């Protein structure tokens, strides 16, 4: 049996499109950071209490990168989408990651934010990298 997508309902289609948009943004963010000398460590680290999109090295600093991707700017820009609650979850996730990775636990670390906005054609219309975007306290 073939499905057109409508039979599965709008939630399935929307979620798949959202996941694809997020994966595209993460690829673009990683490429942007690597061009600036960052080195890849891990991606999509998930636990029940949090998620880390990208984990990179900037010299001797471990960088946890939150990536937000938007197609157009109809409601809220990608830069405006990082909430205080998400920031708290990112801090908890970063600390938990370091607890699991003793080989990296001695490094200085920070949380950066990369906002990617795509045009209707899928081209990058804006990419913003905010260094040390989330701080504790």
N, C-alpha and C. Protein backbone atom coordinates (compact mmCIF):
# COMPACT_ATOMS: atom_id res chain seq x y z
N UNK A 1 0.84 -1.18 0.00
CA UNK A 1 0.00 0.00 0.00
C UNK A 1 0.88 1.24 0.00
N UNK A 2 0.55 2.24 -0.80
CA UNK A 2 1.29 3.49 -0.87
C UNK A 2 0.57 4.55 -0.06
N UNK A 3 1.35 5.41 0.58
CA UNK A 3 0.78 6.51 1.35
C UNK A 3 1.19 7.83 0.71
N UNK A 4 0.27 8.73 0.62
CA UNK A 4 0.59 10.05 0.07
C UNK A 4 1.12 10.99 1.15
N UNK A 5 1.00 10.61 2.41
CA UNK A 5 1.41 11.49 3.51
C UNK A 5 0.20 12.03 4.24
N UNK A 6 -0.91 12.23 3.53
CA UNK A 6 -2.12 12.74 4.18
C UNK A 6 -2.72 11.71 5.12
N UNK A 7 -2.60 10.44 4.76
CA UNK A 7 -3.16 9.38 5.60
C UNK A 7 -2.48 9.32 6.96
N UNK A 8 -1.23 9.76 7.03
CA UNK A 8 -0.50 9.70 8.28
C UNK A 8 -0.78 10.90 9.17
N UNK A 9 -1.43 11.90 8.66
CA UNK A 9 -1.80 13.06 9.45
C UNK A 9 -0.75 14.16 9.40
N UNK A 10 -1.15 15.37 9.70
CA UNK A 10 -0.25 16.52 9.60
C UNK A 10 0.89 16.49 10.61
N UNK A 11 0.71 15.88 11.76
CA UNK A 11 1.78 15.85 12.76
C UNK A 11 2.99 15.10 12.22
N UNK A 12 2.76 13.97 11.56
CA UNK A 12 3.87 13.20 11.01
C UNK A 12 4.62 14.01 9.95
N UNK A 13 3.90 14.61 9.04
CA UNK A 13 4.52 15.37 7.96
C UNK A 13 5.27 16.57 8.54
N UNK A 14 4.65 17.30 9.46
CA UNK A 14 5.28 18.47 10.06
C UNK A 14 6.54 18.07 10.82
N UNK A 15 6.48 17.02 11.61
CA UNK A 15 7.64 16.58 12.38
C UNK A 15 8.79 16.20 11.46
N UNK A 16 8.50 15.48 10.39
CA UNK A 16 9.55 15.10 9.46
C UNK A 16 10.18 16.33 8.82
N UNK A 17 9.38 17.27 8.41
CA UNK A 17 9.90 18.51 7.82
C UNK A 17 10.73 19.27 8.84
N UNK A 18 10.30 19.31 10.09
CA UNK A 18 11.03 20.00 11.15
C UNK A 18 12.38 19.32 11.40
N UNK A 19 12.38 18.00 11.42
CA UNK A 19 13.62 17.26 11.62
C UNK A 19 14.60 17.51 10.48
N UNK A 20 14.09 17.52 9.26
CA UNK A 20 14.95 17.78 8.10
C UNK A 20 15.52 19.19 8.15
N UNK A 21 14.70 20.16 8.53
CA UNK A 21 15.15 21.54 8.65
C UNK A 21 16.24 21.64 9.72
N UNK A 22 16.03 20.99 10.85
CA UNK A 22 17.03 21.00 11.92
C UNK A 22 18.33 20.36 11.50
N UNK A 23 18.25 19.22 10.82
CA UNK A 23 19.47 18.54 10.36
C UNK A 23 20.23 19.40 9.35
N UNK A 24 19.50 20.09 8.48
CA UNK A 24 20.14 20.99 7.52
C UNK A 24 20.86 22.11 8.26
N UNK A 25 20.19 22.71 9.23
CA UNK A 25 20.81 23.78 10.01
C UNK A 25 22.05 23.33 10.75
N UNK A 26 22.01 22.13 11.31
CA UNK A 26 23.18 21.60 12.03
C UNK A 26 24.35 21.36 11.08
N UNK A 27 24.07 20.86 9.87
CA UNK A 27 25.14 20.67 8.89
C UNK A 27 25.77 22.01 8.50
N UNK A 28 24.92 23.01 8.28
CA UNK A 28 25.43 24.33 7.90
C UNK A 28 26.22 24.96 9.05
N UNK A 29 25.73 24.81 10.26
CA UNK A 29 26.44 25.36 11.43
C UNK A 29 27.79 24.68 11.60
N UNK A 30 27.82 23.36 11.47
CA UNK A 30 29.08 22.64 11.61
C UNK A 30 30.08 23.09 10.54
N UNK A 31 29.62 23.20 9.30
CA UNK A 31 30.51 23.65 8.22
C UNK A 31 31.04 25.05 8.51
N UNK A 32 30.18 25.93 8.97
CA UNK A 32 30.57 27.30 9.32
C UNK A 32 31.66 27.30 10.41
N UNK A 33 31.45 26.50 11.44
CA UNK A 33 32.41 26.46 12.55
C UNK A 33 33.73 25.82 12.11
N UNK A 34 33.67 24.76 11.34
CA UNK A 34 34.90 24.11 10.87
C UNK A 34 35.71 25.04 9.98
N UNK A 35 35.05 25.87 9.19
CA UNK A 35 35.77 26.84 8.37
C UNK A 35 36.50 27.88 9.23
N UNK A 36 36.05 28.03 10.45
CA UNK A 36 36.69 28.97 11.38
C UNK A 36 37.67 28.28 12.32
N UNK A 37 37.98 27.03 12.03
CA UNK A 37 39.00 26.32 12.78
C UNK A 37 38.51 25.45 13.91
N UNK A 38 37.22 25.38 14.13
CA UNK A 38 36.68 24.49 15.17
C UNK A 38 36.85 23.05 14.70
N UNK A 39 37.01 22.16 15.67
CA UNK A 39 37.11 20.72 15.36
C UNK A 39 35.90 19.99 15.93
N UNK A 40 35.36 19.09 15.16
CA UNK A 40 34.17 18.33 15.53
C UNK A 40 34.50 17.31 16.61
N UNK A 41 33.63 17.21 17.62
CA UNK A 41 33.75 16.20 18.67
C UNK A 41 32.58 15.24 18.61
N UNK A 42 31.36 15.76 18.61
CA UNK A 42 30.16 14.90 18.60
C UNK A 42 28.96 15.72 18.14
N UNK A 43 27.88 14.99 17.82
CA UNK A 43 26.63 15.66 17.43
C UNK A 43 25.45 14.89 18.00
N UNK A 44 24.40 15.62 18.24
CA UNK A 44 23.12 15.04 18.66
C UNK A 44 23.23 14.14 19.88
N UNK A 45 23.94 14.62 20.90
CA UNK A 45 24.03 13.91 22.18
C UNK A 45 22.72 14.13 22.91
N UNK A 46 22.04 13.05 23.27
CA UNK A 46 20.72 13.17 23.88
C UNK A 46 20.62 12.34 25.16
N UNK A 47 19.95 12.94 26.12
CA UNK A 47 19.53 12.25 27.33
C UNK A 47 18.10 12.70 27.62
N UNK A 48 17.44 12.05 28.56
CA UNK A 48 16.05 12.41 28.83
C UNK A 48 15.91 13.86 29.29
N UNK A 49 16.92 14.42 29.88
CA UNK A 49 16.85 15.78 30.44
C UNK A 49 17.47 16.84 29.55
N UNK A 50 17.98 16.47 28.40
CA UNK A 50 18.56 17.50 27.54
C UNK A 50 19.21 16.94 26.30
N UNK A 51 19.55 17.86 25.41
CA UNK A 51 20.15 17.51 24.13
C UNK A 51 21.20 18.55 23.77
N UNK A 52 22.28 18.09 23.15
CA UNK A 52 23.32 18.98 22.65
C UNK A 52 23.43 18.75 21.15
N UNK A 53 23.21 19.81 20.37
CA UNK A 53 23.21 19.67 18.91
C UNK A 53 24.60 19.36 18.38
N UNK A 54 25.58 20.19 18.72
CA UNK A 54 26.96 20.00 18.27
C UNK A 54 27.90 20.19 19.45
N UNK A 55 28.95 19.42 19.45
CA UNK A 55 30.02 19.59 20.43
C UNK A 55 31.30 19.72 19.62
N UNK A 56 31.98 20.85 19.80
CA UNK A 56 33.13 21.20 18.99
C UNK A 56 34.29 21.61 19.90
N UNK A 57 35.48 21.67 19.33
CA UNK A 57 36.65 22.22 20.03
C UNK A 57 37.09 23.49 19.33
N UNK A 58 37.26 24.54 20.10
CA UNK A 58 37.82 25.80 19.61
C UNK A 58 39.15 25.96 20.33
N UNK A 59 40.21 25.42 19.73
CA UNK A 59 41.50 25.38 20.41
C UNK A 59 41.40 24.45 21.62
N UNK A 60 41.69 25.00 22.79
CA UNK A 60 41.62 24.21 24.02
C UNK A 60 40.28 24.34 24.73
N UNK A 61 39.30 24.94 24.09
CA UNK A 61 37.99 25.15 24.70
C UNK A 61 36.98 24.20 24.06
N UNK A 62 36.22 23.52 24.91
CA UNK A 62 35.13 22.67 24.44
C UNK A 62 33.90 23.55 24.27
N UNK A 63 33.26 23.45 23.12
CA UNK A 63 32.14 24.33 22.81
C UNK A 63 30.90 23.48 22.54
N UNK A 64 29.88 23.70 23.36
CA UNK A 64 28.58 23.09 23.14
C UNK A 64 27.78 24.09 22.31
N UNK A 65 27.24 23.63 21.19
CA UNK A 65 26.60 24.54 20.25
C UNK A 65 25.12 24.21 20.12
N UNK A 66 24.29 25.16 20.45
CA UNK A 66 22.85 25.05 20.22
C UNK A 66 22.57 25.67 18.85
N UNK A 67 21.89 24.92 17.99
CA UNK A 67 21.59 25.38 16.65
C UNK A 67 20.08 25.54 16.51
N UNK A 68 19.66 26.70 16.07
CA UNK A 68 18.24 26.95 15.77
C UNK A 68 18.14 27.33 14.31
N UNK A 69 17.24 26.66 13.61
CA UNK A 69 17.09 26.90 12.18
C UNK A 69 15.65 27.30 11.89
N UNK A 70 15.51 28.30 11.07
CA UNK A 70 14.19 28.77 10.66
C UNK A 70 14.17 28.89 9.14
N UNK A 71 12.99 28.63 8.59
CA UNK A 71 12.77 28.86 7.17
C UNK A 71 11.94 30.12 7.09
N UNK A 72 12.58 31.22 6.74
CA UNK A 72 11.90 32.51 6.75
C UNK A 72 11.84 33.06 8.16
N UNK A 73 11.18 34.20 8.30
CA UNK A 73 11.09 34.86 9.61
C UNK A 73 9.68 35.31 9.90
N UNK A 74 8.75 34.42 9.70
CA UNK A 74 7.35 34.79 9.86
C UNK A 74 6.98 35.13 11.30
N UNK A 75 7.35 34.30 12.25
CA UNK A 75 6.94 34.51 13.63
C UNK A 75 8.09 35.05 14.48
N UNK A 76 9.04 34.20 14.74
CA UNK A 76 10.17 34.56 15.60
C UNK A 76 11.45 34.22 14.85
N UNK A 77 12.42 35.11 14.87
CA UNK A 77 13.68 34.81 14.20
C UNK A 77 14.41 33.72 14.98
N UNK A 78 15.32 33.06 14.33
CA UNK A 78 16.10 32.02 14.99
C UNK A 78 16.86 32.59 16.17
N UNK A 79 17.37 33.81 16.03
CA UNK A 79 18.13 34.44 17.11
C UNK A 79 17.27 34.70 18.34
N UNK A 80 15.97 34.92 18.16
CA UNK A 80 15.07 35.21 19.26
C UNK A 80 14.48 33.96 19.92
N UNK A 81 14.81 32.79 19.41
CA UNK A 81 14.11 31.58 19.83
C UNK A 81 14.72 30.85 21.02
N UNK A 82 15.86 31.27 21.52
CA UNK A 82 16.49 30.60 22.66
C UNK A 82 15.88 31.13 23.95
N UNK A 83 15.17 30.26 24.68
CA UNK A 83 14.49 30.67 25.89
C UNK A 83 15.36 30.42 27.13
N UNK A 84 14.95 31.01 28.25
CA UNK A 84 15.65 30.80 29.52
C UNK A 84 15.59 29.34 29.93
N UNK A 85 14.45 28.69 29.73
CA UNK A 85 14.31 27.27 30.08
C UNK A 85 15.26 26.41 29.23
N UNK A 86 15.37 26.72 27.95
CA UNK A 86 16.30 25.98 27.09
C UNK A 86 17.73 26.21 27.54
N UNK A 87 18.04 27.42 27.93
CA UNK A 87 19.39 27.72 28.41
C UNK A 87 19.73 26.89 29.64
N UNK A 88 18.79 26.75 30.55
CA UNK A 88 19.02 25.92 31.75
C UNK A 88 19.24 24.46 31.36
N UNK A 89 18.44 23.96 30.41
CA UNK A 89 18.61 22.57 29.96
C UNK A 89 19.96 22.38 29.27
N UNK A 90 20.40 23.37 28.52
CA UNK A 90 21.72 23.28 27.87
C UNK A 90 22.84 23.21 28.91
N UNK A 91 22.75 24.02 29.94
CA UNK A 91 23.77 23.99 31.00
C UNK A 91 23.79 22.62 31.69
N UNK A 92 22.61 22.08 32.00
CA UNK A 92 22.53 20.76 32.63
C UNK A 92 23.09 19.69 31.69
N UNK A 93 22.73 19.75 30.41
CA UNK A 93 23.22 18.76 29.45
C UNK A 93 24.74 18.85 29.30
N UNK A 94 25.28 20.06 29.24
CA UNK A 94 26.74 20.22 29.11
C UNK A 94 27.45 19.62 30.32
N UNK A 95 26.94 19.90 31.50
CA UNK A 95 27.55 19.35 32.72
C UNK A 95 27.44 17.83 32.75
N UNK A 96 26.32 17.31 32.28
CA UNK A 96 26.14 15.86 32.25
C UNK A 96 27.07 15.21 31.23
N UNK A 97 27.23 15.84 30.07
CA UNK A 97 28.15 15.33 29.06
C UNK A 97 29.55 15.25 29.65
N UNK A 98 29.98 16.31 30.33
CA UNK A 98 31.31 16.32 30.93
C UNK A 98 31.46 15.25 32.01
N UNK A 99 30.38 14.96 32.71
CA UNK A 99 30.40 13.89 33.70
C UNK A 99 30.61 12.53 33.09
N UNK A 100 30.16 12.36 31.87
CA UNK A 100 30.33 11.08 31.15
C UNK A 100 31.67 11.00 30.43
N UNK A 101 32.25 12.14 30.12
CA UNK A 101 33.48 12.17 29.33
C UNK A 101 34.63 12.74 30.15
N UNK A 102 35.18 11.91 31.00
CA UNK A 102 36.27 12.35 31.87
C UNK A 102 37.47 12.85 31.09
N UNK A 103 37.66 12.35 29.85
CA UNK A 103 38.79 12.80 29.03
C UNK A 103 38.66 14.27 28.63
N UNK A 104 37.45 14.82 28.69
CA UNK A 104 37.22 16.22 28.32
C UNK A 104 36.87 17.10 29.52
N UNK A 105 36.69 16.49 30.68
CA UNK A 105 36.18 17.21 31.85
C UNK A 105 37.11 18.32 32.33
N UNK A 106 38.40 18.24 32.06
CA UNK A 106 39.33 19.27 32.53
C UNK A 106 39.41 20.50 31.66
N UNK A 107 38.71 20.49 30.54
CA UNK A 107 38.78 21.62 29.61
C UNK A 107 37.87 22.77 30.05
N UNK A 108 38.26 23.98 29.69
CA UNK A 108 37.33 25.09 29.79
C UNK A 108 36.24 24.83 28.77
N UNK A 109 35.04 25.31 29.06
CA UNK A 109 33.95 25.09 28.12
C UNK A 109 33.01 26.28 28.12
N UNK A 110 32.23 26.34 27.03
CA UNK A 110 31.23 27.39 26.89
C UNK A 110 30.10 26.86 26.02
N UNK A 111 29.02 27.63 25.98
CA UNK A 111 27.89 27.28 25.13
C UNK A 111 27.70 28.41 24.12
N UNK A 112 27.80 28.07 22.84
CA UNK A 112 27.58 29.01 21.75
C UNK A 112 26.21 28.76 21.16
N UNK A 113 25.74 29.72 20.39
CA UNK A 113 24.45 29.62 19.73
C UNK A 113 24.65 29.98 18.26
N UNK A 114 24.15 29.13 17.39
CA UNK A 114 24.19 29.42 15.95
C UNK A 114 22.74 29.45 15.45
N UNK A 115 22.37 30.59 14.90
CA UNK A 115 21.04 30.78 14.33
C UNK A 115 21.16 30.76 12.80
N UNK A 116 20.39 29.89 12.17
CA UNK A 116 20.43 29.76 10.72
C UNK A 116 19.04 30.09 10.18
N UNK A 117 18.98 31.02 9.24
CA UNK A 117 17.72 31.35 8.58
C UNK A 117 17.88 31.03 7.10
N UNK A 118 16.95 30.22 6.60
CA UNK A 118 16.96 29.82 5.20
C UNK A 118 15.89 30.56 4.43
N UNK A 119 16.19 30.88 3.18
CA UNK A 119 15.19 31.51 2.31
C UNK A 119 14.22 30.44 1.81
N UNK A 120 13.22 30.86 1.08
CA UNK A 120 12.24 29.92 0.55
C UNK A 120 12.86 28.92 -0.43
N UNK A 121 14.02 29.27 -1.01
CA UNK A 121 14.70 28.36 -1.93
C UNK A 121 15.63 27.39 -1.19
N UNK A 122 15.79 27.57 0.13
CA UNK A 122 16.67 26.72 0.90
C UNK A 122 18.07 27.27 1.06
N UNK A 123 18.35 28.41 0.46
CA UNK A 123 19.66 29.04 0.60
C UNK A 123 19.75 29.75 1.95
N UNK A 124 20.96 29.87 2.46
CA UNK A 124 21.16 30.56 3.73
C UNK A 124 20.97 32.06 3.51
N UNK A 125 19.99 32.63 4.19
CA UNK A 125 19.80 34.08 4.09
C UNK A 125 20.51 34.79 5.24
N UNK A 126 20.71 34.06 6.36
CA UNK A 126 21.48 34.63 7.48
C UNK A 126 21.97 33.51 8.38
N UNK A 127 23.20 33.63 8.83
CA UNK A 127 23.77 32.71 9.80
C UNK A 127 24.48 33.58 10.85
N UNK A 128 24.04 33.46 12.09
CA UNK A 128 24.58 34.24 13.18
C UNK A 128 25.20 33.31 14.20
N UNK A 129 26.45 33.57 14.58
CA UNK A 129 27.14 32.77 15.59
C UNK A 129 27.38 33.66 16.80
N UNK A 130 26.77 33.29 17.92
CA UNK A 130 26.93 34.04 19.16
C UNK A 130 27.80 33.20 20.09
N UNK A 131 29.01 33.71 20.36
CA UNK A 131 29.97 33.02 21.22
C UNK A 131 29.57 33.25 22.68
N UNK A 132 29.63 32.18 23.49
CA UNK A 132 29.35 32.27 24.93
C UNK A 132 27.95 32.83 25.16
N UNK A 133 26.97 32.29 24.44
CA UNK A 133 25.61 32.80 24.46
C UNK A 133 24.85 32.46 25.73
N UNK A 134 25.20 31.35 26.38
CA UNK A 134 24.51 30.90 27.58
C UNK A 134 25.49 30.86 28.72
N UNK A 135 25.16 31.52 29.80
CA UNK A 135 26.04 31.55 30.98
C UNK A 135 25.25 31.12 32.20
N UNK A 136 25.93 30.50 33.13
CA UNK A 136 25.28 30.11 34.37
C UNK A 136 25.21 31.31 35.30
N UNK A 137 24.21 31.29 36.16
CA UNK A 137 24.09 32.33 37.18
C UNK A 137 23.54 33.57 36.78
